C-alpha atoms as a PDB file:
ATOM      1  CA  MET A   1       0.014   0.020  -0.020  1.00  0.00           C
ATOM      2  CA  ASN A   2       1.320   3.441  -0.886  1.00  0.00           C
ATOM      3  CA  GLY A   3       1.644   5.901   1.904  1.00  0.00           C
ATOM      4  CA  PHE A   4       2.595   9.536   2.503  1.00  0.00           C
ATOM      5  CA  THR A   5       3.377  12.000   5.250  1.00  0.00           C
ATOM      6  CA  VAL A   6       1.660  15.345   5.151  1.00  0.00           C
ATOM      7  CA  LEU A   7       4.298  17.826   6.304  1.00  0.00           C
ATOM      8  CA  ILE A   8       3.162  21.272   7.476  1.00  0.00           C
ATOM      9  CA  PRO A   9       5.896  23.841   8.347  1.00  0.00           C
ATOM     10  CA  ALA A  10       4.307  26.481  10.614  1.00  0.00           C
ATOM     11  CA  HIS A  11       5.395  29.787  12.093  1.00  0.00           C
ATOM     12  CA  ASP A  12       2.964  32.045  14.078  1.00  0.00           C
ATOM     13  CA  ALA A  13       0.027  30.268  12.561  1.00  0.00           C
ATOM     14  CA  ALA A  14      -2.224  30.078  15.634  1.00  0.00           C
ATOM     15  CA  ALA A  15      -5.072  31.948  13.892  1.00  0.00           C
ATOM     16  CA  VAL A  16      -5.433  29.243  11.254  1.00  0.00           C
ATOM     17  CA  MET A  17      -3.812  26.099  12.772  1.00  0.00           C
ATOM     18  CA  ARG A  18      -6.891  24.423  14.296  1.00  0.00           C
ATOM     19  CA  ALA A  19      -8.954  24.842  11.114  1.00  0.00           C
ATOM     20  CA  THR A  20      -6.133  23.607   8.916  1.00  0.00           C
ATOM     21  CA  LEU A  21      -5.757  20.398  11.031  1.00  0.00           C
ATOM     22  CA  GLU A  22      -9.413  19.808  11.041  1.00  0.00           C
ATOM     23  CA  ARG A  23      -9.678  20.090   7.236  1.00  0.00           C
ATOM     24  CA  VAL A  24      -6.620  17.898   6.584  1.00  0.00           C
ATOM     25  CA  HIS A  25      -7.840  15.239   9.019  1.00  0.00           C
ATOM     26  CA  ALA A  26     -11.327  15.331   7.429  1.00  0.00           C
ATOM     27  CA  HIS A  27      -9.827  14.901   3.959  1.00  0.00           C
ATOM     28  CA  LEU A  28      -7.542  11.998   5.031  1.00  0.00           C
ATOM     29  CA  VAL A  29     -10.624  10.231   6.568  1.00  0.00           C
ATOM     30  CA  THR A  30     -12.379  10.469   3.112  1.00  0.00           C
ATOM     31  CA  LEU A  31      -9.517   8.514   1.587  1.00  0.00           C
ATOM     32  CA  GLY A  32     -10.874   5.474   3.480  1.00  0.00           C
ATOM     33  CA  GLY A  33      -7.628   3.740   4.154  1.00  0.00           C
ATOM     34  CA  ALA A  34      -6.555   3.764   0.523  1.00  0.00           C
ATOM     35  CA  TYR A  35      -3.180   5.078   1.726  1.00  0.00           C
ATOM     36  CA  ARG A  36      -1.165   4.901   4.889  1.00  0.00           C
ATOM     37  CA  THR A  37      -0.909   8.496   6.168  1.00  0.00           C
ATOM     38  CA  GLU A  38       0.551  10.594   8.927  1.00  0.00           C
ATOM     39  CA  VAL A  39       0.725  14.307   9.619  1.00  0.00           C
ATOM     40  CA  ILE A  40       3.743  16.214  10.982  1.00  0.00           C
ATOM     41  CA  VAL A  41       3.685  19.862  11.965  1.00  0.00           C
ATOM     42  CA  VAL A  42       7.113  21.509  12.342  1.00  0.00           C
ATOM     43  CA  ASP A  43       6.635  24.632  14.553  1.00  0.00           C
ATOM     44  CA  ASP A  44       9.403  26.987  13.573  1.00  0.00           C
ATOM     45  CA  ALA A  45       9.849  28.830  16.887  1.00  0.00           C
ATOM     46  CA  SER A  46       6.438  30.506  16.785  1.00  0.00           C
ATOM     47  CA  HIS A  47       5.845  33.344  19.264  1.00  0.00           C
ATOM     48  CA  ASP A  48       2.067  32.575  19.493  1.00  0.00           C
ATOM     49  CA  ALA A  49      -0.033  29.517  20.441  1.00  0.00           C
ATOM     50  CA  THR A  50       0.731  27.507  17.350  1.00  0.00           C
ATOM     51  CA  ALA A  51       2.472  24.653  19.203  1.00  0.00           C
ATOM     52  CA  ALA A  52      -0.177  24.512  21.958  1.00  0.00           C
ATOM     53  CA  ILE A  53      -2.953  24.223  19.398  1.00  0.00           C
ATOM     54  CA  VAL A  54      -1.199  21.474  17.556  1.00  0.00           C
ATOM     55  CA  GLU A  55      -0.501  19.618  20.800  1.00  0.00           C
ATOM     56  CA  THR A  56      -4.137  19.785  21.829  1.00  0.00           C
ATOM     57  CA  PHE A  57      -5.170  18.397  18.460  1.00  0.00           C
ATOM     58  CA  ARG A  58      -2.547  15.750  18.785  1.00  0.00           C
ATOM     59  CA  ARG A  59      -3.958  14.502  22.106  1.00  0.00           C
ATOM     60  CA  GLU A  60      -7.390  14.422  20.572  1.00  0.00           C
ATOM     61  CA  ARG A  61      -6.218  12.320  17.593  1.00  0.00           C
ATOM     62  CA  THR A  62      -3.791   9.870  19.187  1.00  0.00           C
ATOM     63  CA  GLY A  63      -1.317   8.278  16.702  1.00  0.00           C
ATOM     64  CA  TRP A  64      -2.326  10.507  13.863  1.00  0.00           C
ATOM     65  CA  LEU A  65      -0.231  13.678  14.420  1.00  0.00           C
ATOM     66  CA  GLN A  66       3.299  14.479  15.348  1.00  0.00           C
ATOM     67  CA  LEU A  67       4.562  17.905  16.536  1.00  0.00           C
ATOM     68  CA  VAL A  68       8.224  18.815  16.216  1.00  0.00           C
ATOM     69  CA  ARG A  69       9.409  22.214  17.491  1.00  0.00           C
ATOM     70  CA  HIS A  70      12.445  24.444  16.684  1.00  0.00           C
ATOM     71  CA  PRO A  71      13.763  26.382  19.720  1.00  0.00           C
ATOM     72  CA  LYS A  72      15.004  29.055  17.289  1.00  0.00           C
ATOM     73  CA  ARG A  73      13.745  30.190  13.852  1.00  0.00           C
ATOM     74  CA  ARG A  74      15.407  28.092  11.174  1.00  0.00           C
ATOM     75  CA  GLY A  75      13.322  28.802   8.130  1.00  0.00           C
ATOM     76  CA  TYR A  76      11.481  26.804   5.518  1.00  0.00           C
ATOM     77  CA  ARG A  77      14.206  24.589   4.214  1.00  0.00           C
ATOM     78  CA  GLU A  78      15.350  23.497   7.694  1.00  0.00           C
ATOM     79  CA  SER A  79      11.672  22.877   8.661  1.00  0.00           C
ATOM     80  CA  LEU A  80      11.440  20.534   5.703  1.00  0.00           C
ATOM     81  CA  ARG A  81      14.568  18.788   6.891  1.00  0.00           C
ATOM     82  CA  THR A  82      13.306  18.430  10.421  1.00  0.00           C
ATOM     83  CA  GLY A  83       9.892  17.080   9.306  1.00  0.00           C
ATOM     84  CA  LEU A  84      11.475  14.660   6.856  1.00  0.00           C
ATOM     85  CA  ALA A  85      13.705  13.269   9.645  1.00  0.00           C
ATOM     86  CA  ALA A  86      10.594  12.506  11.691  1.00  0.00           C
ATOM     87  CA  ALA A  87       8.609  10.974   8.692  1.00  0.00           C
ATOM     88  CA  ARG A  88       7.979   7.274   8.613  1.00  0.00           C
ATOM     89  CA  LEU A  89       6.415   6.901   5.176  1.00  0.00           C
ATOM     90  CA  PRO A  90       8.045   6.800   1.663  1.00  0.00           C
ATOM     91  CA  ASN A  91       6.443   9.908   0.212  1.00  0.00           C
ATOM     92  CA  VAL A  92       5.832  13.488   1.479  1.00  0.00           C
ATOM     93  CA  VAL A  93       3.122  15.938   0.692  1.00  0.00           C
ATOM     94  CA  VAL A  94       4.076  19.471   1.793  1.00  0.00           C
ATOM     95  CA  ALA A  95       1.250  21.819   2.652  1.00  0.00           C
ATOM     96  CA  ASP A  96       1.361  25.315   4.091  1.00  0.00           C
ATOM     97  CA  ALA A  97      -0.290  26.167   7.461  1.00  0.00           C
ATOM     98  CA  GLN A  98      -2.766  28.561   5.784  1.00  0.00           C
ATOM     99  CA  LEU A  99      -4.009  25.971   3.448  1.00  0.00           C
ATOM    100  CA  SER A 100      -3.549  28.207   0.323  1.00  0.00           C
ATOM    101  CA  PHE A 101      -4.905  25.219  -1.617  1.00  0.00           C
ATOM    102  CA  PRO A 102      -7.928  23.112  -0.359  1.00  0.00           C
ATOM    103  CA  ALA A 103      -7.097  20.129   1.734  1.00  0.00           C
ATOM    104  CA  GLU A 104      -8.280  17.875  -1.068  1.00  0.00           C
ATOM    105  CA  THR A 105      -5.111  18.957  -2.934  1.00  0.00           C
ATOM    106  CA  VAL A 106      -3.154  16.706  -0.622  1.00  0.00           C
ATOM    107  CA  GLY A 107      -4.774  13.568  -1.991  1.00  0.00           C
ATOM    108  CA  ALA A 108      -4.710  14.892  -5.552  1.00  0.00           C
ATOM    109  CA  LEU A 109      -0.868  15.401  -5.383  1.00  0.00           C
ATOM    110  CA  ALA A 110      -0.246  12.006  -3.791  1.00  0.00           C
ATOM    111  CA  ASP A 111      -2.429  10.361  -6.397  1.00  0.00           C
ATOM    112  CA  ALA A 112      -0.529  12.128  -9.238  1.00  0.00           C
ATOM    113  CA  LEU A 113       2.764  11.041  -7.700  1.00  0.00           C
ATOM    114  CA  PHE A 114       1.731   7.411  -7.488  1.00  0.00           C
ATOM    115  CA  ARG A 115      -0.096   7.151 -10.833  1.00  0.00           C
ATOM    116  CA  THR A 116       2.558   8.821 -12.947  1.00  0.00           C
ATOM    117  CA  GLY A 117       5.614   7.533 -11.155  1.00  0.00           C
ATOM    118  CA  ALA A 118       6.863  11.111 -10.884  1.00  0.00           C
ATOM    119  CA  ASP A 119       9.426  12.166  -8.289  1.00  0.00           C
ATOM    120  CA  CYS A 120       7.615  15.457  -7.609  1.00  0.00           C
ATOM    121  CA  ALA A 121       4.058  16.731  -8.147  1.00  0.00           C
ATOM    122  CA  VAL A 122       3.398  20.472  -7.847  1.00  0.00           C
ATOM    123  CA  ALA A 123      -0.082  22.076  -7.336  1.00  0.00           C
ATOM    124  CA  SER A 124      -0.559  24.617 -10.091  1.00  0.00           C
ATOM    125  CA  PRO A 125      -3.212  27.259 -10.385  1.00  0.00           C
ATOM    126  CA  LEU A 126      -1.558  28.541 -13.555  1.00  0.00           C
ATOM    127  CA  ILE A 127      -2.161  25.625 -15.951  1.00  0.00           C
ATOM    128  CA  PRO A 128      -5.501  24.735 -17.620  1.00  0.00           C
ATOM    129  CA  GLY A 129      -7.939  23.461 -14.993  1.00  0.00           C
ATOM    130  CA  GLY A 130      -6.283  25.449 -12.211  1.00  0.00           C
ATOM    131  CA  ARG A 131      -7.346  28.910 -10.942  1.00  0.00           C
ATOM    132  CA  ILE A 132      -6.835  31.526  -8.322  1.00  0.00           C
ATOM    133  CA  GLU A 133      -9.789  32.754  -6.262  1.00  0.00           C
ATOM    134  CA  GLY A 134     -10.276  35.032  -3.292  1.00  0.00           C
ATOM    135  CA  VAL A 135      -6.566  35.749  -2.865  1.00  0.00           C
ATOM    136  CA  PRO A 136      -5.691  39.406  -1.950  1.00  0.00           C
ATOM    137  CA  LEU A 137      -4.860  41.240  -5.169  1.00  0.00           C
ATOM    138  CA  HIS A 138      -1.327  42.079  -4.231  1.00  0.00           C
ATOM    139  CA  ARG A 139      -0.616  38.434  -3.343  1.00  0.00           C
ATOM    140  CA  ALA A 140      -2.211  37.097  -6.493  1.00  0.00           C
ATOM    141  CA  LEU A 141      -0.402  39.534  -8.823  1.00  0.00           C
ATOM    142  CA  GLY A 142       2.909  38.817  -6.965  1.00  0.00           C
ATOM    143  CA  PHE A 143       2.377  35.066  -7.369  1.00  0.00           C
ATOM    144  CA  ARG A 144       1.571  35.320 -11.021  1.00  0.00           C
ATOM    145  CA  LEU A 145       4.412  37.670 -11.826  1.00  0.00           C
ATOM    146  CA  ALA A 146       7.059  35.713  -9.911  1.00  0.00           C
ATOM    147  CA  ASN A 147       6.034  32.435 -11.505  1.00  0.00           C
ATOM    148  CA  ARG A 148       5.638  33.825 -14.961  1.00  0.00           C
ATOM    149  CA  THR A 149       9.124  35.273 -14.763  1.00  0.00           C
ATOM    150  CA  LEU A 150      10.698  32.091 -13.353  1.00  0.00           C
ATOM    151  CA  ALA A 151       8.770  29.886 -15.872  1.00  0.00           C
ATOM    152  CA  ARG A 152      10.202  31.946 -18.763  1.00  0.00           C
ATOM    153  CA  ALA A 153      13.676  31.576 -17.287  1.00  0.00           C
ATOM    154  CA  GLY A 154      13.332  27.844 -17.189  1.00  0.00           C
ATOM    155  CA  GLY A 155      11.946  27.523 -20.667  1.00  0.00           C
ATOM    156  CA  GLY A 156       8.245  27.409 -19.991  1.00  0.00           C
ATOM    157  CA  ARG A 157       7.700  23.702 -19.410  1.00  0.00           C
ATOM    158  CA  ILE A 158       6.704  24.306 -15.713  1.00  0.00           C
ATOM    159  CA  GLN A 159       4.383  27.187 -15.032  1.00  0.00           C
ATOM    160  CA  THR A 160       4.247  27.062 -11.217  1.00  0.00           C
ATOM    161  CA  VAL A 161       7.619  26.751  -9.577  1.00  0.00           C
ATOM    162  CA  THR A 162       7.233  28.577  -6.188  1.00  0.00           C
ATOM    163  CA  ALA A 163       4.138  26.897  -4.783  1.00  0.00           C
ATOM    164  CA  ASP A 164       4.739  25.236  -1.310  1.00  0.00           C
ATOM    165  CA  PHE A 165       1.995  22.700  -1.972  1.00  0.00           C
ATOM    166  CA  ARG A 166       3.784  19.753  -3.623  1.00  0.00           C
ATOM    167  CA  ALA A 167       4.483  16.039  -3.205  1.00  0.00           C
ATOM    168  CA  TYR A 168       7.878  14.309  -3.308  1.00  0.00           C
ATOM    169  CA  ASP A 169       9.268  10.881  -3.156  1.00  0.00           C
ATOM    170  CA  ALA A 170      10.815  11.135   0.303  1.00  0.00           C
ATOM    171  CA  ALA A 171      14.252   9.766  -0.747  1.00  0.00           C
ATOM    172  CA  VAL A 172      14.366  12.361  -3.515  1.00  0.00           C
ATOM    173  CA  LEU A 173      13.525  15.243  -1.151  1.00  0.00           C
ATOM    174  CA  ARG A 174      16.144  13.898   1.257  1.00  0.00           C
ATOM    175  CA  ASP A 175      18.723  14.141  -1.467  1.00  0.00           C
ATOM    176  CA  LEU A 176      17.679  17.743  -2.339  1.00  0.00           C
ATOM    177  CA  LEU A 177      17.900  18.760   1.346  1.00  0.00           C
ATOM    178  CA  ALA A 178      21.425  17.131   1.714  1.00  0.00           C
ATOM    179  CA  GLY A 179      23.058  19.786  -0.475  1.00  0.00           C
ATOM    180  CA  GLU A 180      23.212  23.541  -0.599  1.00  0.00           C
ATOM    181  CA  SER A 181      20.370  25.353  -2.515  1.00  0.00           C
ATOM    182  CA  GLU A 182      20.556  28.691  -4.325  1.00  0.00           C
ATOM    183  CA  GLY A 183      17.742  31.304  -4.292  1.00  0.00           C
ATOM    184  CA  GLU A 184      14.221  30.400  -3.312  1.00  0.00           C
ATOM    185  CA  PHE A 185      14.086  26.733  -2.357  1.00  0.00           C
ATOM    186  CA  ASN A 186      11.002  25.524  -4.244  1.00  0.00           C
ATOM    187  CA  SER A 187      12.145  26.946  -7.659  1.00  0.00           C
ATOM    188  CA  TRP A 188      15.717  25.692  -7.033  1.00  0.00           C
ATOM    189  CA  ALA A 189      14.276  22.246  -6.270  1.00  0.00           C
ATOM    190  CA  ILE A 190      12.549  22.185  -9.695  1.00  0.00           C
ATOM    191  CA  ALA A 191      15.731  23.102 -11.441  1.00  0.00           C
ATOM    192  CA  ARG A 192      17.774  20.554  -9.488  1.00  0.00           C
ATOM    193  CA  LEU A 193      15.253  17.790 -10.213  1.00  0.00           C
ATOM    194  CA  ALA A 194      15.520  18.418 -13.893  1.00  0.00           C
ATOM    195  CA  ILE A 195      19.305  18.347 -13.791  1.00  0.00           C
ATOM    196  CA  LEU A 196      19.157  15.047 -11.991  1.00  0.00           C
ATOM    197  CA  LYS A 197      16.662  13.817 -14.676  1.00  0.00           C
ATOM    198  CA  ARG A 198      13.854  13.430 -12.227  1.00  0.00           C
ATOM    199  CA  MET A 199      10.241  13.685 -13.381  1.00  0.00           C
ATOM    200  CA  VAL A 200       8.082  16.614 -12.253  1.00  0.00           C
ATOM    201  CA  VAL A 201       4.362  16.914 -12.981  1.00  0.00           C
ATOM    202  CA  GLU A 202       2.084  19.925 -12.498  1.00  0.00           C
ATOM    203  CA  VAL A 203      -1.430  19.131 -11.166  1.00  0.00           C
ATOM    204  CA  PRO A 204      -4.196  21.745 -11.835  1.00  0.00           C
ATOM    205  CA  ALA A 205      -5.457  23.064  -8.577  1.00  0.00           C
ATOM    206  CA  LEU A 206      -7.413  25.889  -6.913  1.00  0.00           C
ATOM    207  CA  MET A 207      -5.346  28.540  -5.074  1.00  0.00           C
ATOM    208  CA  ARG A 208      -7.708  30.256  -2.692  1.00  0.00           C
ATOM    209  CA  GLY A 209      -7.810  33.137  -0.279  1.00  0.00           C
ATOM    210  CA  GLY A 210      -6.844  32.236   3.316  1.00  0.00           C
ATOM    211  CA  SER A 211      -6.385  34.098   6.534  1.00  0.00           C
ATOM    212  CA  TYR A 212      -3.824  36.766   5.985  1.00  0.00           C
ATOM    213  CA  ARG A 213      -2.747  39.339   8.585  1.00  0.00           C
ATOM    214  CA  ARG A 214      -2.078  42.919   7.803  1.00  0.00           C
ATOM    215  CA  PRO A 215       1.462  43.461   6.413  1.00  0.00           C
ATOM    216  CA  SER A 216       4.095  44.665   8.832  1.00  0.00           C
ATOM    217  CA  LEU A 217       7.419  46.479   8.393  1.00  0.00           C
ATOM    218  CA  GLY A 218       9.037  43.056   8.839  1.00  0.00           C
ATOM    219  CA  ASP A 219       7.043  41.739   5.906  1.00  0.00           C
ATOM    220  CA  VAL A 220       8.357  44.549   3.735  1.00  0.00           C
ATOM    221  CA  VAL A 221      11.928  43.585   4.703  1.00  0.00           C
ATOM    222  CA  GLU A 222      11.139  39.925   3.994  1.00  0.00           C
ATOM    223  CA  LEU A 223       9.646  40.905   0.578  1.00  0.00           C
ATOM    224  CA  TRP A 224      12.939  42.504  -0.495  1.00  0.00           C
ATOM    225  CA  SER A 225      14.823  39.450   0.581  1.00  0.00           C
ATOM    226  CA  ARG A 226      12.400  37.282  -1.439  1.00  0.00           C
ATOM    227  CA  VAL A 227      12.943  39.487  -4.478  1.00  0.00           C
ATOM    228  CA  ALA A 228      16.696  38.925  -4.227  1.00  0.00           C
ATOM    229  CA  ALA A 229      16.172  35.180  -3.758  1.00  0.00           C
ATOM    230  CA  LEU A 230      13.906  35.074  -6.804  1.00  0.00           C
ATOM    231  CA  ARG A 231      16.492  36.809  -8.889  1.00  0.00           C
ATOM    232  CA  ARG A 232      18.962  34.174  -7.997  1.00  0.00           C
ATOM    233  CA  SER A 233      16.342  31.525  -8.657  1.00  0.00           C
ATOM    234  CA  ALA A 234      15.868  32.936 -12.184  1.00  0.00           C
ATOM    235  CA  ARG A 235      19.625  32.483 -12.813  1.00  0.00           C
ATOM    236  CA  VAL A 236      19.346  28.878 -11.550  1.00  0.00           C
ATOM    237  CA  LEU A 237      16.394  28.076 -13.833  1.00  0.00           C
ATOM    238  CA  ARG A 238      18.166  29.606 -16.885  1.00  0.00           C
ATOM    239  CA  ARG A 239      21.124  27.317 -16.313  1.00  0.00           C
ATOM    240  CA  ALA A 240      18.757  24.376 -15.972  1.00  0.00           C
ATOM    241  CA  ARG A 241      16.659  25.279 -19.026  1.00  0.00           C
ATOM    242  CA  PRO A 242      18.163  22.530 -21.320  1.00  0.00           C
ATOM    243  CA  ALA A 243      17.365  19.869 -18.645  1.00  0.00           C
ATOM    244  CA  LEU A 244      13.848  21.297 -18.098  1.00  0.00           C
ATOM    245  CA  ARG A 245      13.070  21.000 -21.721  1.00  0.00           C
ATOM    246  CA  ALA A 246      14.363  17.486 -22.147  1.00  0.00           C
ATOM    247  CA  PRO A 247      11.606  14.861 -22.989  1.00  0.00           C
ATOM    248  CA  GLY A 248       9.955  13.238 -20.027  1.00  0.00           C
ATOM    249  CA  ILE A 249      11.248  15.612 -17.367  1.00  0.00           C
ATOM    250  CA  ALA A 250       8.415  18.152 -16.925  1.00  0.00           C
ATOM    251  CA  THR A 251       4.791  17.655 -17.828  1.00  0.00           C
ATOM    252  CA  GLN A 252       1.285  18.669 -16.900  1.00  0.00           C
ATOM    253  CA  VAL A 253      -1.546  16.174 -15.998  1.00  0.00           C
ATOM    254  CA  LYS A 254      -4.801  16.287 -17.887  1.00  0.00           C
ATOM    255  CA  ILE A 255      -7.597  18.334 -16.450  1.00  0.00           C
ATOM    256  CA  GLY A 256      -9.828  16.378 -14.145  1.00  0.00           C
ATOM    257  CA  THR A 257      -7.620  13.393 -13.923  1.00  0.00           C
ATOM    258  CA  PHE A 258      -6.473  13.846 -10.292  1.00  0.00           C
ATOM    259  CA  GLY A 259      -9.015  14.706  -7.639  1.00  0.00           C
ATOM    260  CA  PRO A 260     -11.079  17.849  -7.196  1.00  0.00           C
ATOM    261  CA  ASN A 261      -9.942  21.257  -8.490  1.00  0.00           C
END
């Protein structure tokens, strides 16, 4: 039986954490035992009640959920590494704490990974069958612009390269995390997978509005940091363009083939 770990990196996500866990749990129940599953939340040194909310939910759902905590902020990549070290199943579906895609996308990505034999499946609102709804305008425009720029840098075979929602063969993700990355991790991972001749598929999905707090000065500083990282990512993708355009490396699944959109 195929199985997968749902890995949720979280930082200061108390406002949405309970609802996210409820939705993920409800979705996994609907799978009816078709897959072995587990959920791991990595709390990246939150200042709010994120860890307490997860711990309460863990006690209510014994054996279903793990909580791993960082004593100091370590970032997204290290949260993936920490979660992967705790994972017990051969595949990983990464989801964000805000559920920027519906919980059903978890099963759709896992299904795509298993049925195509791909090494990575990425949720994409930018390919036919995918869409963006209810996302604040500045976030939607930023997402579209960043991914359009990076897609062009990589030759256009993959349209969504920055989305956190994606599934990996756990061994492949472990290899990615073993080395140093350049620029934004998710786009670097796409480039690296192509160079390693690993198959990546895009799955049409709905990107939706979630719970977003009002931007702060820290968010502005982080935005400039992300812009710099995306510039480095564009260089990485340009170097990987021949690999990304090779037959059988990057593809899109057909509309409606994998789960709800």
